[in-house]
Amino acid sequence: MKNIAHEIKWAVIFIVAGMAWMLLEKLTGLHDKHIDMHPIVTNLFMVVAIAVYWFALSAKRKANGGTITFKKAFVSGLLMTLFITVLTPLWQYVSVEIISPDYFKNVTEYSVAQKLMTADEAAAYFNLRNYIISSLMFAPVTGIVTSALIALIVSRKKLV
C-alpha cells in the first residue's frame, strides 16, 4: 500500500480540484445564467488536470532523489489514472447532486431552447448515468495520454 500511497494522494487531489472547479463554475453562473459559455470554459479544466499530473510526477521524481525513468513516471501516472477513474462516479455524483443540482435541468432547457437537441435527446444525454459512463470512458484515455506526456517531460536519469 505504501508503494501506491503517492498515487492515491494525487488522485484524491485531482478529484478535489475537479469538485472545486465545478463549484467555481456554479458560482460564476456557468450552470445557469451563463450556461451558453459552459462548453467552452469547462474545457479550461484541462490546464488544472495537466498541472496536477505535473506536480504529482515531479514530486515522485523529487522523492526518488531527483531522478526518475520514463517507465517509472509513466506507471505512476497510470496508477493515478486508475484511482481517478475509480473515483470519477463519486466526483460526478457530488458535482450534479450536491454542488449543482439544477445543472441537468438548466442545460436540458438551454439545449432545447437553442434547438440543439429535442427534449427527448437532451433528457437522454444530460443525466447522471450518462455523465458517469462518459467520464468512465474519458478519464482513462486522457489520463494515459497525460501520463505519457508528463512522464516524458519529468523523466531524468542520474548523471554519472
Protein backbone atom coordinates (compact mmCIF):
# COMPACT_ATOMS: atom_id res chain seq x y z
CA MET A 1 0.00 0.00 0.00
CA LYS A 2 2.89 2.34 0.76
CA ASN A 3 4.11 1.91 -2.81
CA ILE A 4 0.90 3.42 -4.18
CA ALA A 5 0.18 5.97 -1.44
CA HIS A 6 1.66 8.75 -3.57
CA GLU A 7 -0.66 7.97 -6.50
CA ILE A 8 -3.73 7.65 -4.27
CA LYS A 9 -2.93 11.00 -2.65
CA TRP A 10 -2.60 12.75 -6.00
CA ALA A 11 -5.73 11.08 -7.37
CA VAL A 12 -7.66 12.46 -4.40
CA ILE A 13 -6.10 15.89 -5.01
CA PHE A 14 -7.22 15.64 -8.64
CA ILE A 15 -10.80 14.78 -7.65
CA VAL A 16 -10.93 17.58 -5.06
CA ALA A 17 -9.60 20.00 -7.70
CA GLY A 18 -12.34 18.79 -10.05
CA MET A 19 -15.01 19.37 -7.45
CA ALA A 20 -13.59 22.82 -6.68
CA TRP A 21 -13.69 23.58 -10.41
CA MET A 22 -17.35 22.52 -10.54
CA LEU A 23 -18.10 24.78 -7.57
CA LEU A 24 -16.34 27.65 -9.32
CA GLU A 25 -18.39 27.01 -12.46
CA LYS A 26 -21.57 27.01 -10.38
CA LEU A 27 -20.63 30.21 -8.51
CA THR A 28 -19.76 32.06 -11.73
CA GLY A 29 -23.11 31.19 -13.30
CA LEU A 30 -21.83 28.70 -15.86
CA HIS A 31 -24.51 26.24 -14.76
CA ASP A 32 -27.39 28.70 -15.16
CA LYS A 33 -27.30 32.32 -16.39
CA HIS A 34 -24.06 31.87 -18.41
CA ILE A 35 -24.72 28.28 -19.45
CA ASP A 36 -24.09 29.26 -23.06
CA MET A 37 -20.39 29.72 -22.17
CA HIS A 38 -20.11 26.44 -20.23
CA PRO A 39 -19.00 24.18 -23.10
CA ILE A 40 -16.01 26.44 -23.78
CA VAL A 41 -14.98 27.42 -20.25
CA THR A 42 -15.30 23.91 -18.80
CA ASN A 43 -12.52 22.76 -21.13
CA LEU A 44 -10.09 25.02 -19.26
CA PHE A 45 -10.11 22.36 -16.55
CA MET A 46 -7.60 20.56 -18.77
CA VAL A 47 -4.99 23.09 -17.57
CA VAL A 48 -5.73 22.12 -13.96
CA ALA A 49 -5.67 18.41 -14.80
CA ILE A 50 -2.31 18.65 -16.55
CA ALA A 51 -0.92 20.72 -13.68
CA VAL A 52 -1.96 18.09 -11.13
CA TYR A 53 -0.22 15.36 -13.13
CA TRP A 54 2.86 17.59 -13.49
CA PHE A 55 3.05 18.24 -9.74
CA ALA A 56 2.41 14.58 -8.91
CA LEU A 57 5.08 13.18 -11.23
CA SER A 58 7.54 15.94 -10.32
CA ALA A 59 7.03 15.11 -6.63
CA LYS A 60 7.61 11.44 -7.43
CA ARG A 61 10.89 12.38 -9.14
CA LYS A 62 11.94 14.54 -6.18
CA ALA A 63 11.14 11.71 -3.74
CA ASN A 64 13.31 9.48 -5.92
CA GLY A 65 16.40 11.64 -5.40
CA GLY A 66 15.72 13.94 -8.35
CA THR A 67 15.76 11.18 -10.95
CA ILE A 68 13.05 9.07 -12.46
CA THR A 69 12.86 6.94 -15.56
CA PHE A 70 10.13 7.42 -18.13
CA LYS A 71 8.77 3.99 -17.26
CA LYS A 72 8.54 4.70 -13.53
CA ALA A 73 6.93 8.10 -14.09
CA PHE A 74 4.51 6.66 -16.66
CA VAL A 75 3.48 3.81 -14.35
CA SER A 76 2.93 6.32 -11.56
CA GLY A 77 0.70 8.35 -13.88
CA LEU A 78 -1.17 5.22 -14.92
CA LEU A 79 -1.83 4.31 -11.29
CA MET A 80 -3.06 7.83 -10.65
CA THR A 81 -5.34 7.49 -13.68
CA LEU A 82 -6.70 4.20 -12.35
CA PHE A 83 -7.57 5.75 -8.98
CA ILE A 84 -9.04 8.87 -10.64
CA THR A 85 -11.20 6.65 -12.84
CA VAL A 86 -12.42 4.71 -9.80
CA LEU A 87 -13.29 7.98 -8.02
CA THR A 88 -14.93 9.57 -11.07
CA PRO A 89 -18.51 8.36 -10.31
CA LEU A 90 -18.24 9.96 -6.86
CA TRP A 91 -16.97 13.19 -8.45
CA GLN A 92 -19.87 13.22 -10.92
CA TYR A 93 -22.42 12.46 -8.21
CA VAL A 94 -21.19 15.22 -5.89
CA SER A 95 -20.96 17.66 -8.80
CA VAL A 96 -24.52 17.28 -10.08
CA GLU A 97 -26.40 16.19 -6.98
CA ILE A 98 -24.79 18.41 -4.32
CA ILE A 99 -22.83 21.25 -5.95
CA SER A 100 -25.15 21.96 -8.86
CA PRO A 101 -28.42 20.01 -8.56
CA ASP A 102 -30.15 22.13 -11.24
CA TYR A 103 -27.41 21.69 -13.84
CA PHE A 104 -29.12 18.95 -15.87
CA LYS A 105 -32.45 20.78 -15.86
CA ASN A 106 -30.74 24.02 -16.94
CA VAL A 107 -28.59 22.50 -19.67
CA THR A 108 -31.53 20.49 -20.98
CA GLU A 109 -33.72 23.59 -21.18
CA TYR A 110 -30.92 25.57 -22.84
CA SER A 111 -30.22 22.85 -25.43
CA VAL A 112 -33.89 22.56 -26.33
CA ALA A 113 -34.40 26.36 -26.45
CA GLN A 114 -31.39 26.72 -28.76
CA LYS A 115 -32.72 23.87 -30.92
CA LEU A 116 -29.51 21.91 -30.36
CA MET A 117 -31.49 18.83 -29.32
CA THR A 118 -35.04 17.69 -28.94
CA ALA A 119 -36.37 17.37 -25.40
CA ASP A 120 -36.03 13.58 -25.57
CA GLU A 121 -32.44 13.75 -26.88
CA ALA A 122 -31.47 16.25 -24.18
CA ALA A 123 -33.06 14.15 -21.43
CA ALA A 124 -31.23 11.07 -22.69
CA TYR A 125 -27.90 12.89 -22.82
CA PHE A 126 -27.96 15.18 -19.76
CA ASN A 127 -28.34 12.83 -16.83
CA LEU A 128 -26.12 11.39 -14.12
CA ARG A 129 -25.96 7.88 -15.59
CA ASN A 130 -24.78 9.13 -18.98
CA TYR A 131 -22.25 11.52 -17.42
CA ILE A 132 -20.79 8.74 -15.28
CA ILE A 133 -20.50 6.39 -18.27
CA SER A 134 -18.90 9.11 -20.40
CA SER A 135 -16.48 10.03 -17.62
CA LEU A 136 -15.51 6.41 -17.06
CA MET A 137 -14.50 6.22 -20.73
CA PHE A 138 -12.90 9.67 -20.93
CA ALA A 139 -10.83 9.53 -17.72
CA PRO A 140 -8.62 6.56 -18.68
CA VAL A 141 -7.98 7.78 -22.22
CA THR A 142 -7.00 11.30 -21.19
CA GLY A 143 -5.12 10.00 -18.16
CA ILE A 144 -2.99 7.67 -20.26
CA VAL A 145 -2.13 10.40 -22.75
CA THR A 146 -1.39 12.94 -20.00
CA SER A 147 0.69 10.39 -18.08
CA ALA A 148 2.80 9.66 -21.14
CA LEU A 149 3.39 13.31 -21.99
CA ILE A 150 4.20 14.41 -18.45
CA ALA A 151 6.37 11.33 -17.85
CA LEU A 152 8.34 12.25 -20.96
CA ILE A 153 8.90 15.76 -19.63
CA VAL A 154 9.76 14.93 -15.99
CA SER A 155 11.88 11.81 -16.56
CA ARG A 156 15.54 12.28 -15.76
CA LYS A 157 18.27 9.76 -15.42
CA LYS A 158 21.16 10.04 -13.00
CA LEU A 159 24.16 11.80 -14.43
CA VAL A 160 27.33 9.83 -13.77
